[in-house]
């Protein structure tokens, strides 16, 4: 890695670490406040009202017209209904949880692919194929200066309609010998600094003395070949050979996938995605702790409600004020204030 890349990596680590500390402290403080509020007896009234309203069928009589109309099961206690609701909720959440997990797995794979491409010189392999994301527009259109691209006779034999835009991910097939390449193939080759360029092969020459095959390339959008793309440009016979060839373009490409990966491997992309994953993890971690406290307290309040309904209605006082629905639910119940143990 170059000094600039190392410096960028250090900056990224510092920024993400600062985000991690800030998010952790914020979520921890919020979870602590919610936990204390839930465990305090003052919240029992709201919890009780919610439980009674959501479990109203428990308070209906066996001969209730509403119960007969809905044909619902008659529960003997609020606990029975809560247990059934938990089973239903678990089943309904199974699919959504699966989709969520699948989404984050896909996001993680794209993020990992972007990092891998950045570390591995913008290239990764699957079998005999390699994949790269195009960084320039040199193959995005046809330049009228390249007459061969518009030659009708050549167009019958060669494919001149295989251009691709910047940020497109393309597939290259590995080649092992010069005969695997033919004129006007789109080929990826590697420069001395490791940069991969994908251009069209426009000329093939063989040095009679060394028997070395040299390749000349040119981007379809360029009017000429760059000085490093042809043999003998420096007067010393230096040019591109099979040692520089990465692979031949197969025609497979994906602009959307390439755009995503290009973003994920950028500095701002790494910071945003890392921070986003961190926020989601911390949110679910602390939210799960709060949810467990809520569930535990709801269970306790449920027992108080059932105890009061089954025997002599011992329970803390709930004032339903002018809410007719709540009044109808508790009509006939003898309730009294009882301190929490």
Protein backbone atom coordinates (compact mmCIF):
# COMPACT_ATOMS: atom_id res chain seq x y z
CA UNK A 1 0.00 0.00 0.00
CA UNK A 2 1.18 3.53 -0.77
CA UNK A 3 1.72 6.17 1.91
CA UNK A 4 -1.50 7.94 0.87
CA UNK A 5 -3.50 4.71 1.18
CA UNK A 6 -2.02 4.01 4.62
CA UNK A 7 -2.86 7.56 5.72
CA UNK A 8 -6.43 7.17 4.42
CA UNK A 9 -6.76 3.89 6.33
CA UNK A 10 -5.62 5.54 9.57
CA UNK A 11 -8.10 8.39 9.09
CA UNK A 12 -10.91 5.89 8.44
CA UNK A 13 -10.09 3.92 11.60
CA UNK A 14 -10.04 7.11 13.71
CA UNK A 15 -13.36 8.38 12.30
CA UNK A 16 -15.16 5.03 12.72
CA UNK A 17 -13.75 4.66 16.25
CA UNK A 18 -15.10 8.09 17.21
CA UNK A 19 -18.51 7.15 15.80
CA UNK A 20 -18.39 3.88 17.74
CA UNK A 21 -17.73 5.63 21.05
CA UNK A 22 -20.42 8.26 20.45
CA UNK A 23 -23.09 5.74 19.42
CA UNK A 24 -22.23 3.39 22.29
CA UNK A 25 -22.56 6.11 24.92
CA UNK A 26 -25.82 7.44 23.42
CA UNK A 27 -27.52 4.04 23.18
CA UNK A 28 -26.27 2.96 26.60
CA UNK A 29 -27.61 6.10 28.26
CA UNK A 30 -30.97 5.76 26.50
CA UNK A 31 -31.29 2.08 27.43
CA UNK A 32 -30.40 2.84 31.06
CA UNK A 33 -33.07 5.55 31.26
CA UNK A 34 -35.74 3.34 29.66
CA UNK A 35 -34.83 0.42 31.89
CA UNK A 36 -35.17 2.47 35.05
CA UNK A 37 -38.49 3.90 33.87
CA UNK A 38 -39.93 0.49 33.06
CA UNK A 39 -38.89 -1.03 36.37
CA UNK A 40 -40.42 1.87 38.30
CA UNK A 41 -43.90 1.27 39.73
CA UNK A 42 -45.22 4.42 38.03
CA UNK A 43 -45.11 2.63 34.66
CA UNK A 44 -47.38 -0.20 35.85
CA UNK A 45 -50.50 1.83 35.08
CA UNK A 46 -49.59 2.29 31.42
CA UNK A 47 -48.49 -1.34 31.13
CA UNK A 48 -51.74 -2.51 32.74
CA UNK A 49 -53.88 -0.42 30.40
CA UNK A 50 -52.04 -1.77 27.38
CA UNK A 51 -52.37 -5.37 28.54
CA UNK A 52 -56.09 -5.06 29.26
CA UNK A 53 -56.83 -3.33 25.94
CA UNK A 54 -54.84 -5.89 23.94
CA UNK A 55 -56.31 -8.81 25.89
CA UNK A 56 -59.92 -7.63 25.98
CA UNK A 57 -61.32 -11.07 25.09
CA UNK A 58 -60.28 -12.28 28.53
CA UNK A 59 -62.77 -9.89 30.06
CA UNK A 60 -65.71 -10.98 27.95
CA UNK A 61 -68.27 -13.41 29.32
CA UNK A 62 -68.84 -16.79 27.72
CA UNK A 63 -72.24 -15.62 26.40
CA UNK A 64 -70.93 -12.33 25.06
CA UNK A 65 -72.47 -11.57 21.60
CA UNK A 66 -69.18 -10.01 20.54
CA UNK A 67 -67.29 -13.15 21.50
CA UNK A 68 -69.74 -15.37 19.62
CA UNK A 69 -69.60 -13.13 16.57
CA UNK A 70 -65.81 -13.22 16.44
CA UNK A 71 -65.81 -16.92 17.39
CA UNK A 72 -62.68 -16.42 19.41
CA UNK A 73 -61.33 -18.82 21.98
CA UNK A 74 -62.32 -18.02 25.55
CA UNK A 75 -59.18 -17.59 27.64
CA UNK A 76 -59.23 -18.31 31.35
CA UNK A 77 -56.53 -15.76 32.05
CA UNK A 78 -54.58 -12.94 30.49
CA UNK A 79 -51.50 -15.12 30.80
CA UNK A 80 -53.06 -17.68 28.41
CA UNK A 81 -53.65 -15.03 25.79
CA UNK A 82 -50.18 -13.51 26.20
CA UNK A 83 -48.59 -16.92 25.69
CA UNK A 84 -50.56 -17.44 22.50
CA UNK A 85 -49.72 -13.93 21.25
CA UNK A 86 -46.03 -14.60 21.86
CA UNK A 87 -46.21 -17.72 19.69
CA UNK A 88 -47.97 -15.79 16.91
CA UNK A 89 -45.48 -12.95 17.11
CA UNK A 90 -42.57 -15.36 16.95
CA UNK A 91 -43.99 -16.95 13.80
CA UNK A 92 -44.76 -13.64 12.11
CA UNK A 93 -41.29 -12.30 12.92
CA UNK A 94 -39.54 -15.35 11.49
CA UNK A 95 -39.96 -14.24 7.86
CA UNK A 96 -39.09 -10.58 8.51
CA UNK A 97 -36.03 -11.63 10.50
CA UNK A 98 -34.96 -13.88 7.63
CA UNK A 99 -35.26 -11.01 5.12
CA UNK A 100 -33.37 -8.68 7.45
CA UNK A 101 -30.54 -11.17 7.96
CA UNK A 102 -30.37 -11.82 4.22
CA UNK A 103 -30.16 -8.08 3.53
CA UNK A 104 -27.30 -7.58 5.96
CA UNK A 105 -25.47 -10.62 4.63
CA UNK A 106 -25.72 -9.19 1.11
CA UNK A 107 -24.62 -5.77 2.35
CA UNK A 108 -21.68 -7.35 4.17
CA UNK A 109 -20.64 -9.32 1.08
CA UNK A 110 -20.69 -6.20 -1.10
CA UNK A 111 -18.73 -4.31 1.53
CA UNK A 112 -16.18 -7.13 1.86
CA UNK A 113 -15.88 -7.34 -1.93
CA UNK A 114 -15.20 -3.61 -2.16
CA UNK A 115 -12.48 -3.82 0.51
CA UNK A 116 -10.96 -6.89 -1.16
CA UNK A 117 -10.84 -5.14 -4.54
CA UNK A 118 -9.16 -2.15 -2.98
CA UNK A 119 -6.50 -4.26 -1.26
CA UNK A 120 -6.06 -6.69 -4.16
CA UNK A 121 -5.37 -4.13 -6.88
CA UNK A 122 -9.02 -3.80 -7.96
CA UNK A 123 -9.38 -7.46 -8.93
CA UNK A 124 -10.70 -10.73 -7.51
CA UNK A 125 -10.86 -14.24 -8.96
CA UNK A 126 -13.44 -17.01 -9.16
CA UNK A 127 -11.94 -20.00 -10.94
CA UNK A 128 -10.51 -18.95 -14.30
CA UNK A 129 -12.40 -15.67 -14.26
CA UNK A 130 -11.49 -12.37 -12.67
CA UNK A 131 -13.73 -9.38 -11.97
CA UNK A 132 -12.81 -5.72 -11.96
CA UNK A 133 -14.64 -2.40 -11.75
CA UNK A 134 -13.86 0.00 -14.59
CA UNK A 135 -12.53 3.37 -13.43
CA UNK A 136 -12.48 5.33 -16.70
CA UNK A 137 -14.64 6.01 -19.73
CA UNK A 138 -12.10 4.94 -22.36
CA UNK A 139 -14.40 2.09 -23.46
CA UNK A 140 -17.72 3.84 -23.01
CA UNK A 141 -18.24 4.95 -26.64
CA UNK A 142 -16.83 4.75 -30.16
CA UNK A 143 -14.43 7.39 -31.40
CA UNK A 144 -14.84 8.16 -35.13
CA UNK A 145 -11.05 8.22 -35.42
CA UNK A 146 -11.05 4.43 -34.98
CA UNK A 147 -12.19 3.51 -38.50
CA UNK A 148 -12.17 -0.23 -37.81
CA UNK A 149 -15.08 0.19 -35.37
CA UNK A 150 -17.30 1.34 -38.28
CA UNK A 151 -16.01 -1.01 -41.01
CA UNK A 152 -19.02 -3.01 -42.20
CA UNK A 153 -16.94 -6.02 -43.31
CA UNK A 154 -15.13 -6.20 -39.99
CA UNK A 155 -18.40 -5.79 -38.12
CA UNK A 156 -19.61 -9.06 -39.67
CA UNK A 157 -16.72 -10.94 -38.05
CA UNK A 158 -15.94 -9.00 -34.88
CA UNK A 159 -18.04 -7.63 -32.02
CA UNK A 160 -17.67 -3.85 -31.89
CA UNK A 161 -20.78 -3.27 -29.76
CA UNK A 162 -19.30 -4.39 -26.43
CA UNK A 163 -18.56 -1.02 -24.84
CA UNK A 164 -19.17 -0.37 -21.12
CA UNK A 165 -19.49 2.70 -18.93
CA UNK A 166 -17.38 3.89 -16.01
CA UNK A 167 -18.02 2.00 -12.72
CA UNK A 168 -19.24 -1.10 -14.59
CA UNK A 169 -18.08 -4.44 -13.18
CA UNK A 170 -16.88 -6.77 -15.96
CA UNK A 171 -15.69 -10.35 -16.18
CA UNK A 172 -12.32 -11.32 -17.66
CA UNK A 173 -11.43 -14.85 -18.72
CA UNK A 174 -7.89 -16.07 -18.10
CA UNK A 175 -5.73 -16.74 -21.20
CA UNK A 176 -2.48 -18.68 -21.18
CA UNK A 177 -0.94 -18.22 -24.64
CA UNK A 178 -0.91 -15.62 -27.45
CA UNK A 179 -3.09 -17.78 -29.69
CA UNK A 180 -5.92 -17.42 -27.13
CA UNK A 181 -6.23 -13.78 -28.18
CA UNK A 182 -7.45 -12.53 -31.52
CA UNK A 183 -7.52 -9.12 -33.12
CA UNK A 184 -10.16 -6.72 -31.75
CA UNK A 185 -10.75 -8.69 -28.57
CA UNK A 186 -11.35 -6.53 -25.50
CA UNK A 187 -8.54 -7.44 -23.12
CA UNK A 188 -7.39 -6.49 -19.64
CA UNK A 189 -3.70 -5.89 -19.06
CA UNK A 190 -1.65 -4.75 -16.07
CA UNK A 191 0.72 -1.78 -15.94
CA UNK A 192 3.98 -1.69 -13.99
CA UNK A 193 2.29 -0.03 -10.99
CA UNK A 194 -0.36 -2.78 -10.84
CA UNK A 195 -3.15 -0.73 -12.45
CA UNK A 196 -5.43 -2.81 -14.70
CA UNK A 197 -6.53 -1.31 -18.02
CA UNK A 198 -9.20 -2.84 -20.27
CA UNK A 199 -8.89 -1.82 -23.94
CA UNK A 200 -9.37 -3.30 -27.39
CA UNK A 201 -6.55 -5.27 -29.01
CA UNK A 202 -5.84 -3.45 -32.30
CA UNK A 203 -2.52 -4.98 -33.41
CA UNK A 204 -0.44 -8.12 -32.84
CA UNK A 205 3.24 -8.30 -33.82
CA UNK A 206 5.92 -10.94 -33.32
CA UNK A 207 9.57 -10.00 -32.87
CA UNK A 208 11.55 -12.21 -35.26
CA UNK A 209 14.67 -12.27 -33.11
CA UNK A 210 13.16 -12.91 -29.68
CA UNK A 211 10.02 -14.67 -31.00
CA UNK A 212 8.07 -12.56 -28.49
CA UNK A 213 4.49 -11.61 -29.26
CA UNK A 214 3.65 -7.96 -28.59
CA UNK A 215 0.15 -6.52 -28.29
CA UNK A 216 -1.09 -3.04 -29.08
CA UNK A 217 -4.25 -1.74 -27.38
CA UNK A 218 -6.52 1.27 -27.66
CA UNK A 219 -9.66 2.38 -25.89
CA UNK A 220 -12.69 2.71 -28.17
CA UNK A 221 -13.23 6.28 -26.92
CA UNK A 222 -9.56 7.22 -27.54
CA UNK A 223 -8.25 8.42 -30.87
CA UNK A 224 -4.77 6.91 -30.40
CA UNK A 225 -3.01 4.31 -28.29
CA UNK A 226 -1.10 5.48 -25.22
CA UNK A 227 2.68 5.27 -25.41
CA UNK A 228 2.79 2.21 -23.16
CA UNK A 229 0.23 0.34 -25.29
CA UNK A 230 2.42 -0.56 -28.25
CA UNK A 231 5.79 -2.17 -28.91
CA UNK A 232 8.85 0.00 -29.55
CA UNK A 233 7.40 3.28 -28.26
CA UNK A 234 10.57 4.05 -26.28
CA UNK A 235 13.05 2.92 -28.94
CA UNK A 236 14.11 -0.08 -26.85
CA UNK A 237 11.48 -2.55 -27.90
CA UNK A 238 9.50 -2.33 -24.66
CA UNK A 239 5.84 -3.21 -24.99
CA UNK A 240 2.98 -5.34 -23.68
CA UNK A 241 3.44 -9.12 -23.76
CA UNK A 242 1.61 -12.17 -22.37
CA UNK A 243 3.20 -11.44 -18.98
CA UNK A 244 1.08 -8.27 -18.82
CA UNK A 245 -2.23 -9.86 -19.88
CA UNK A 246 -4.87 -10.32 -17.16
CA UNK A 247 -7.67 -11.80 -19.26
CA UNK A 248 -10.13 -11.43 -22.14
CA UNK A 249 -13.49 -9.71 -21.67
CA UNK A 250 -16.28 -12.32 -21.79
CA UNK A 251 -19.15 -9.88 -22.36
CA UNK A 252 -20.58 -10.21 -18.84
CA UNK A 253 -20.98 -6.88 -17.11
CA UNK A 254 -23.06 -5.22 -14.39
CA UNK A 255 -23.23 -1.46 -13.96
CA UNK A 256 -25.35 -1.56 -10.78
CA UNK A 257 -23.09 -4.05 -9.00
CA UNK A 258 -20.00 -2.15 -10.05
CA UNK A 259 -21.48 1.13 -8.81
CA UNK A 260 -22.26 -0.38 -5.40
CA UNK A 261 -18.82 -1.95 -5.02
CA UNK A 262 -17.06 1.22 -6.16
CA UNK A 263 -18.88 3.13 -3.43
CA UNK A 264 -18.16 0.51 -0.77
CA UNK A 265 -14.43 0.58 -1.49
CA UNK A 266 -14.17 4.38 -1.40
CA UNK A 267 -13.08 6.19 1.78
CA UNK A 268 -16.47 7.79 2.37
CA UNK A 269 -18.19 4.50 1.54
CA UNK A 270 -16.14 2.55 4.09
CA UNK A 271 -16.86 5.16 6.77
CA UNK A 272 -20.61 5.31 6.04
CA UNK A 273 -21.17 1.56 5.73
CA UNK A 274 -19.01 0.74 8.78
CA UNK A 275 -20.83 3.37 10.84
CA UNK A 276 -24.21 2.14 9.61
CA UNK A 277 -23.48 -1.48 10.52
CA UNK A 278 -22.18 -0.32 13.89
CA UNK A 279 -25.32 1.74 14.60
CA UNK A 280 -27.62 -1.17 13.70
CA UNK A 281 -25.66 -3.58 15.90
CA UNK A 282 -25.67 -1.24 18.91
CA UNK A 283 -29.36 -0.41 18.42
CA UNK A 284 -30.44 -4.06 18.40
CA UNK A 285 -28.10 -4.90 21.28
CA UNK A 286 -29.50 -2.28 23.65
CA UNK A 287 -33.06 -2.55 22.28
CA UNK A 288 -33.03 -6.27 23.08
CA UNK A 289 -32.01 -5.53 26.67
CA UNK A 290 -34.85 -3.01 27.05
CA UNK A 291 -37.35 -5.37 25.39
CA UNK A 292 -36.49 -8.10 27.89
CA UNK A 293 -37.10 -5.74 30.78
CA UNK A 294 -40.45 -4.72 29.28
CA UNK A 295 -41.46 -8.36 28.78
CA UNK A 296 -40.49 -9.27 32.35
CA UNK A 297 -42.48 -6.37 33.81
CA UNK A 298 -45.48 -7.16 31.59
CA UNK A 299 -45.39 -10.71 32.92
CA UNK A 300 -45.42 -9.41 36.48
CA UNK A 301 -48.33 -7.04 35.79
CA UNK A 302 -50.17 -9.85 33.99
CA UNK A 303 -49.96 -11.98 37.14
CA UNK A 304 -51.34 -9.08 39.19
CA UNK A 305 -54.27 -8.69 36.77
CA UNK A 306 -55.02 -12.42 36.72
CA UNK A 307 -54.73 -12.65 40.48
CA UNK A 308 -57.23 -9.85 40.94
CA UNK A 309 -59.64 -11.33 38.37
CA UNK A 310 -59.57 -14.88 39.68
CA UNK A 311 -59.92 -14.22 43.41
CA UNK A 312 -60.85 -10.95 45.05
CA UNK A 313 -59.39 -8.60 42.44
CA UNK A 314 -56.30 -7.52 44.31
CA UNK A 315 -54.46 -5.06 42.11
CA UNK A 316 -53.18 -1.51 42.11
CA UNK A 317 -55.67 1.17 41.14
CA UNK A 318 -56.01 2.04 37.45
CA UNK A 319 -57.97 5.18 36.71
CA UNK A 320 -59.62 4.87 33.31
CA UNK A 321 -61.08 8.38 33.57
CA UNK A 322 -63.45 9.03 30.66
CA UNK A 323 -62.33 6.16 28.44
CA UNK A 324 -65.52 4.18 27.87
CA UNK A 325 -63.72 1.18 26.40
CA UNK A 326 -61.54 0.75 29.46
CA UNK A 327 -64.52 1.29 31.75
CA UNK A 328 -66.47 -1.43 29.99
CA UNK A 329 -63.52 -3.79 30.28
CA UNK A 330 -63.21 -3.28 34.02
CA UNK A 331 -66.91 -3.00 34.78
CA UNK A 332 -67.76 -5.18 37.75
CA UNK A 333 -64.15 -5.59 38.86
CA UNK A 334 -63.38 -4.73 42.42
CA UNK A 335 -59.93 -3.10 42.27
CA UNK A 336 -57.85 -1.64 45.04
CA UNK A 337 -54.42 -0.11 45.50
CA UNK A 338 -51.75 -2.60 46.43
CA UNK A 339 -48.06 -1.68 46.79
CA UNK A 340 -45.60 -3.45 44.54
CA UNK A 341 -43.53 -6.09 46.34
